[in-house]
Amino acid sequence: MPIKLMKSILHALALSGVLASSSALASDVQPATWKSVPTQSVTAGDVSFSYRELGQQNGGTPVVLLVHLAAVLDNWDPRVVDGLAAKHHVIAFDNRGVGASTGKPANTIEQMADDAISFIKAKGFTQVDLFGFSMGGMIAQEIVLKDSQLVRKMILAGTGPAGGEGISAVAGVANYDLIRATLTGQDPKQYLFFTRTPNGIEAGKAFLKRLQERTDQRDSEIAIWAYVSQLQALSAWGQKRPADLSVIKQPVLVANGEDDRMVPTRNSHELAKRLPNAQLIIYPDAGHGGIFQYHEDFVPKALAFLAN
């Protein structure tokens, strides 16, 4: 065999071995999880929004997560986010002036909705599913009322409609539990999100432990002035004239615990009654964080809802 031909064959064999090895390594790479996915930023107008994104390989309609009062990226339950990202493209972001996002914090739900729309369009999305928890569920309602074509489906958890009973009192409930949590050396969410029954207390501890799973590149805590701005927004939302929710034709999944102290559970029943295409889930022995307490039940139901 000519020496030149032998060298060519050996070179080809070596190259194919490298490619096969690279392919095997690539197949071993696991998708990012909530505790490891990098934090990124995108600019929309005068704001640089901090966000995390995973599940892109799933394609389909992106699911945009809208956060609760005082929350930053690290306040999302990893079991819920990873559960959704197993089947869907999922994106969560910090509101304007919160966490690592820049700008002056919004003090109305309407401005938060405008900011969310700006973020969604800056990401290049033409249609999304919305998953709003608590304050995030109020933002989701405003988004769909402002730009109906942008939204395909919505999940509204632990939330209520504009003018809903007890919503204007959220500040009082939150600050009361903040004080008693400080006095007892606990996280306020143990009181705000969970019942004081044995099951609720244990669920709260497990949830708070999950929130600490991410150890690298954690988000900045909300600043006091941003928290005050959000309380102002919630107070105004609670006193706002009720919107005509019958115009929202998108499918909506409404979920809550049966004993929500922050946004009383009757608001979830009201949403389900006034939204023409709604399903309702109420979890027993659960409070505001019912979807986190029952994440093993909630995630499959959310996936089924988004898949249909």
Protein backbone atom coordinates (compact mmCIF):
# COMPACT_ATOMS: atom_id res chain seq x y z
CA MET A 1 0.00 0.00 0.00
CA PRO A 2 1.47 3.43 -0.92
CA ILE A 3 2.70 5.37 2.12
CA LYS A 4 0.67 8.47 1.17
CA LEU A 5 -2.56 6.45 0.96
CA MET A 6 -1.85 4.75 4.31
CA LYS A 7 -1.33 8.14 5.98
CA SER A 8 -4.60 9.38 4.53
CA ILE A 9 -6.47 6.34 5.86
CA LEU A 10 -4.90 6.66 9.31
CA HIS A 11 -5.74 10.37 9.37
CA ALA A 12 -9.34 9.63 8.41
CA LEU A 13 -9.65 6.96 11.10
CA ALA A 14 -8.20 9.28 13.73
CA LEU A 15 -10.55 12.08 12.72
CA SER A 16 -13.60 9.79 12.82
CA GLY A 17 -12.55 8.66 16.30
CA VAL A 18 -12.37 12.27 17.49
CA LEU A 19 -15.79 13.05 16.01
CA ALA A 20 -17.33 9.93 17.56
CA SER A 21 -15.85 10.84 20.92
CA SER A 22 -17.15 14.42 20.62
CA SER A 23 -20.59 13.12 19.70
CA ALA A 24 -20.62 10.79 22.68
CA LEU A 25 -19.61 13.63 24.98
CA ALA A 26 -22.30 15.88 23.52
CA SER A 27 -24.94 13.21 24.12
CA ASP A 28 -23.84 12.99 27.74
CA VAL A 29 -24.40 16.73 28.33
CA GLN A 30 -27.50 17.19 30.45
CA PRO A 31 -29.89 20.13 30.00
CA ALA A 32 -29.41 23.00 32.44
CA THR A 33 -31.44 22.99 35.65
CA TRP A 34 -32.78 25.92 37.65
CA LYS A 35 -29.93 25.71 40.15
CA SER A 36 -27.24 25.88 37.45
CA VAL A 37 -28.64 27.79 34.47
CA PRO A 38 -26.71 31.04 33.89
CA THR A 39 -28.25 34.45 34.51
CA GLN A 40 -28.40 36.62 31.40
CA SER A 41 -29.65 40.09 30.51
CA VAL A 42 -31.50 41.73 27.65
CA THR A 43 -32.14 45.44 27.12
CA ALA A 44 -35.61 46.78 26.41
CA GLY A 45 -35.87 50.55 26.23
CA ASP A 46 -33.97 51.99 29.18
CA VAL A 47 -34.03 48.78 31.26
CA SER A 48 -31.61 45.87 31.32
CA PHE A 49 -33.73 42.89 32.40
CA SER A 50 -32.01 40.05 34.24
CA TYR A 51 -33.38 36.62 33.33
CA ARG A 52 -32.80 32.88 33.27
CA GLU A 53 -33.90 30.61 30.46
CA LEU A 54 -33.98 26.85 30.08
CA GLY A 55 -35.72 24.11 28.11
CA GLN A 56 -35.06 25.83 24.78
CA GLN A 57 -34.53 22.41 23.20
CA ASN A 58 -38.24 21.67 23.71
CA GLY A 59 -39.34 24.39 21.29
CA GLY A 60 -43.00 25.36 21.21
CA THR A 61 -44.61 28.37 22.86
CA PRO A 62 -42.34 29.83 25.56
CA VAL A 63 -43.65 29.93 29.14
CA VAL A 64 -42.88 33.27 30.82
CA LEU A 65 -42.88 33.26 34.63
CA LEU A 66 -44.13 36.35 36.49
CA VAL A 67 -43.01 36.67 40.10
CA HIS A 68 -44.68 37.44 43.41
CA LEU A 69 -44.29 40.37 45.81
CA ALA A 70 -40.65 41.01 46.81
CA ALA A 71 -39.43 38.09 44.68
CA VAL A 72 -36.27 37.75 42.63
CA LEU A 73 -35.19 34.88 40.40
CA ASP A 74 -34.11 32.70 43.32
CA ASN A 75 -37.63 32.72 44.78
CA TRP A 76 -38.96 30.33 42.12
CA ASP A 77 -39.32 26.75 43.33
CA PRO A 78 -36.75 24.62 41.43
CA ARG A 79 -39.18 21.67 41.33
CA VAL A 80 -41.80 23.74 39.55
CA VAL A 81 -39.41 25.41 37.09
CA ASP A 82 -37.50 22.23 36.26
CA GLY A 83 -40.76 20.33 35.98
CA LEU A 84 -42.10 22.76 33.40
CA ALA A 85 -38.75 22.98 31.60
CA ALA A 86 -38.73 19.21 31.10
CA LYS A 87 -41.34 19.76 28.40
CA HIS A 88 -41.34 23.50 27.66
CA HIS A 89 -39.12 26.48 26.94
CA VAL A 90 -39.23 28.46 30.22
CA ILE A 91 -38.07 32.02 30.98
CA ALA A 92 -38.14 33.91 34.28
CA PHE A 93 -37.04 37.51 34.73
CA ASP A 94 -36.62 40.19 37.37
CA ASN A 95 -39.04 43.11 37.25
CA ARG A 96 -37.68 46.59 36.57
CA GLY A 97 -35.52 47.80 39.46
CA VAL A 98 -35.69 44.41 41.21
CA GLY A 99 -32.86 41.92 41.69
CA ALA A 100 -30.28 42.47 38.97
CA SER A 101 -32.63 44.34 36.61
CA THR A 102 -31.97 48.05 36.22
CA GLY A 103 -34.33 51.01 36.28
CA LYS A 104 -36.71 52.61 38.73
CA PRO A 105 -39.08 50.08 40.33
CA ALA A 106 -42.65 50.17 39.03
CA ASN A 107 -45.37 51.14 41.51
CA THR A 108 -48.39 50.01 39.46
CA ILE A 109 -49.41 46.62 38.11
CA GLU A 110 -50.07 48.31 34.78
CA GLN A 111 -46.46 49.49 34.46
CA MET A 112 -45.22 46.04 35.45
CA ALA A 113 -47.35 44.60 32.64
CA ASP A 114 -45.91 47.11 30.16
CA ASP A 115 -42.41 46.13 31.30
CA ALA A 116 -43.19 42.44 30.90
CA ILE A 117 -44.48 43.04 27.37
CA SER A 118 -41.29 44.97 26.57
CA PHE A 119 -39.18 42.10 27.92
CA ILE A 120 -41.12 39.47 25.95
CA LYS A 121 -40.77 41.42 22.71
CA ALA A 122 -37.09 42.15 23.38
CA LYS A 123 -36.60 38.37 23.54
CA GLY A 124 -38.18 38.15 20.11
CA PHE A 125 -41.27 36.19 21.16
CA THR A 126 -44.50 36.81 19.23
CA GLN A 127 -46.69 34.64 21.46
CA VAL A 128 -46.18 33.20 24.95
CA ASP A 129 -47.86 31.31 27.74
CA LEU A 130 -47.94 33.19 31.04
CA PHE A 131 -47.49 31.67 34.48
CA GLY A 132 -48.16 34.30 37.12
CA PHE A 133 -47.96 33.63 40.84
CA SER A 134 -49.56 36.09 43.29
CA MET A 135 -48.63 39.60 42.10
CA GLY A 136 -47.41 37.92 38.92
CA GLY A 137 -50.94 36.66 38.27
CA MET A 138 -52.21 40.23 38.42
CA ILE A 139 -49.52 41.28 35.95
CA ALA A 140 -50.56 38.41 33.67
CA GLN A 141 -54.18 39.63 33.65
CA GLU A 142 -53.05 43.12 32.67
CA ILE A 143 -50.82 41.74 29.90
CA VAL A 144 -53.62 39.77 28.26
CA LEU A 145 -55.99 42.74 28.51
CA LYS A 146 -53.39 45.04 26.95
CA ASP A 147 -52.15 42.67 24.21
CA SER A 148 -54.45 39.68 23.76
CA GLN A 149 -52.64 38.34 20.69
CA LEU A 150 -49.42 38.00 22.67
CA VAL A 151 -50.88 35.37 25.02
CA ARG A 152 -51.84 31.77 24.19
CA LYS A 153 -52.63 30.36 27.67
CA MET A 154 -52.29 31.49 31.30
CA ILE A 155 -51.69 29.86 34.67
CA LEU A 156 -52.85 32.10 37.54
CA ALA A 157 -51.81 30.86 40.99
CA GLY A 158 -52.42 32.43 44.40
CA THR A 159 -53.86 35.55 42.83
CA GLY A 160 -57.05 37.51 42.24
CA PRO A 161 -58.79 40.05 40.04
CA ALA A 162 -58.53 43.82 40.23
CA GLY A 163 -60.62 45.05 43.14
CA GLY A 164 -60.63 41.56 44.66
CA GLU A 165 -61.60 41.13 48.29
CA GLY A 166 -58.67 41.54 50.68
CA ILE A 167 -56.07 42.39 48.05
CA SER A 168 -55.68 45.99 49.18
CA ALA A 169 -54.75 44.63 52.64
CA VAL A 170 -51.78 42.56 51.39
CA ALA A 171 -49.31 45.11 52.78
CA GLY A 172 -50.69 44.72 56.29
CA VAL A 173 -50.60 40.91 56.14
CA ALA A 174 -47.09 40.85 54.65
CA ASN A 175 -45.62 43.33 57.12
CA TYR A 176 -47.27 41.61 60.10
CA ASP A 177 -45.75 38.27 59.10
CA LEU A 178 -42.41 39.96 58.39
CA ILE A 179 -42.38 41.20 61.99
CA ARG A 180 -43.36 37.89 63.58
CA ALA A 181 -40.88 36.01 61.38
CA THR A 182 -38.14 38.35 62.57
CA LEU A 183 -39.14 37.81 66.21
CA THR A 184 -39.16 34.02 65.80
CA GLY A 185 -36.06 33.79 63.59
CA GLN A 186 -37.94 32.34 60.63
CA ASP A 187 -38.40 33.19 56.97
CA PRO A 188 -41.60 35.25 56.42
CA LYS A 189 -42.66 32.87 53.65
CA GLN A 190 -43.12 30.15 56.29
CA TYR A 191 -46.05 32.21 57.60
CA LEU A 192 -47.18 33.89 54.38
CA PHE A 193 -47.18 30.89 52.04
CA PHE A 194 -48.08 27.95 54.28
CA THR A 195 -50.63 26.96 56.88
CA ARG A 196 -49.66 26.52 60.53
CA THR A 197 -50.75 22.89 60.54
CA PRO A 198 -48.08 20.18 60.86
CA ASN A 199 -48.31 19.47 57.11
CA GLY A 200 -48.09 23.15 56.24
CA ILE A 201 -45.11 23.76 58.50
CA GLU A 202 -43.18 20.80 57.06
CA ALA A 203 -44.05 21.83 53.49
CA GLY A 204 -42.76 25.32 54.22
CA LYS A 205 -39.46 24.00 55.54
CA ALA A 206 -39.02 21.78 52.47
CA PHE A 207 -39.83 24.68 50.13
CA LEU A 208 -37.37 27.03 51.82
CA LYS A 209 -34.68 24.36 51.64
CA ARG A 210 -35.28 23.97 47.89
CA LEU A 211 -34.86 27.71 47.41
CA GLN A 212 -31.28 27.38 48.70
CA GLU A 213 -30.24 24.69 46.22
CA ARG A 214 -28.65 27.21 43.91
CA THR A 215 -25.34 28.29 45.44
CA ASP A 216 -23.58 30.06 42.54
CA GLN A 217 -24.53 33.38 40.97
CA ARG A 218 -27.51 33.94 43.20
CA ASP A 219 -29.68 36.96 42.54
CA SER A 220 -29.64 40.19 44.54
CA GLU A 221 -32.35 40.56 47.18
CA ILE A 222 -35.04 43.15 46.54
CA ALA A 223 -34.25 46.64 47.85
CA ILE A 224 -36.58 48.22 50.40
CA TRP A 225 -37.71 51.00 48.05
CA ALA A 226 -38.65 48.43 45.38
CA TYR A 227 -40.64 46.48 47.99
CA VAL A 228 -42.50 49.65 49.00
CA SER A 229 -43.26 50.38 45.33
CA GLN A 230 -44.75 46.92 44.92
CA LEU A 231 -46.88 47.33 48.03
CA GLN A 232 -48.22 50.57 46.51
CA ALA A 233 -49.03 48.69 43.31
CA LEU A 234 -50.91 45.96 45.18
CA SER A 235 -52.88 48.47 47.23
CA ALA A 236 -53.99 50.30 44.08
CA TRP A 237 -54.85 47.02 42.33
CA GLY A 238 -57.01 46.01 45.27
CA GLN A 239 -58.95 49.28 45.05
CA LYS A 240 -59.20 49.32 41.26
CA ARG A 241 -62.52 49.00 39.45
CA PRO A 242 -63.04 45.34 38.42
CA ALA A 243 -62.13 44.56 34.81
CA ASP A 244 -64.37 42.74 32.35
CA LEU A 245 -62.63 39.37 32.39
CA SER A 246 -65.21 37.85 30.03
CA VAL A 247 -63.19 39.29 27.13
CA ILE A 248 -60.30 36.95 27.97
CA LYS A 249 -60.96 33.92 25.76
CA GLN A 250 -57.64 32.16 26.36
CA PRO A 251 -57.62 28.93 28.39
CA VAL A 252 -56.69 29.67 32.01
CA LEU A 253 -55.64 27.35 34.83
CA VAL A 254 -56.41 28.89 38.25
CA ALA A 255 -54.78 27.33 41.32
CA ASN A 256 -54.49 28.07 45.04
CA GLY A 257 -54.53 26.58 48.50
CA GLU A 258 -57.80 26.47 50.42
CA ASP A 259 -56.53 28.86 53.14
CA ASP A 260 -54.65 31.68 51.40
CA ARG A 261 -54.08 34.52 53.86
CA MET A 262 -52.30 36.87 51.42
CA VAL A 263 -54.75 36.80 48.51
CA PRO A 264 -57.85 35.16 50.03
CA THR A 265 -58.85 31.97 48.23
CA ARG A 266 -62.27 33.33 47.36
CA ASN A 267 -60.47 35.44 44.75
CA SER A 268 -59.39 32.28 42.94
CA HIS A 269 -63.00 31.10 42.87
CA GLU A 270 -63.99 34.53 41.55
CA LEU A 271 -61.40 34.35 38.77
CA ALA A 272 -62.55 30.90 37.72
CA LYS A 273 -66.16 32.11 37.65
CA ARG A 274 -65.47 35.26 35.62
CA LEU A 275 -62.98 33.84 33.12
CA PRO A 276 -64.99 32.05 30.40
CA ASN A 277 -62.44 29.29 29.72
CA ALA A 278 -61.01 28.50 33.17
CA GLN A 279 -60.15 25.41 35.20
CA LEU A 280 -59.79 25.60 39.00
CA ILE A 281 -57.54 23.64 41.38
CA ILE A 282 -57.81 24.19 45.15
CA TYR A 283 -55.37 22.28 47.35
CA PRO A 284 -56.42 21.13 50.86
CA ASP A 285 -54.52 22.15 53.99
CA ALA A 286 -52.55 24.67 51.96
CA GLY A 287 -52.13 28.41 51.80
CA HIS A 288 -50.77 30.96 49.34
CA GLY A 289 -47.95 28.61 48.30
CA GLY A 290 -50.24 25.68 47.58
CA ILE A 291 -48.65 25.02 44.18
CA PHE A 292 -45.25 24.68 45.87
CA GLN A 293 -46.56 22.49 48.68
CA TYR A 294 -48.26 20.23 46.11
CA HIS A 295 -45.68 20.59 43.33
CA GLU A 296 -45.77 16.84 42.62
CA ASP A 297 -49.45 17.16 41.72
CA PHE A 298 -49.38 20.68 40.29
CA VAL A 299 -46.58 20.24 37.74
CA PRO A 300 -48.23 17.32 35.87
CA LYS A 301 -51.53 19.21 35.82
CA ALA A 302 -49.78 22.34 34.51
CA LEU A 303 -47.99 20.30 31.83
CA ALA A 304 -51.26 18.70 30.73
CA PHE A 305 -52.93 22.12 30.60
CA LEU A 306 -50.13 23.64 28.52
CA ALA A 307 -49.98 20.63 26.20
CA ASN A 308 -53.63 20.65 25.14
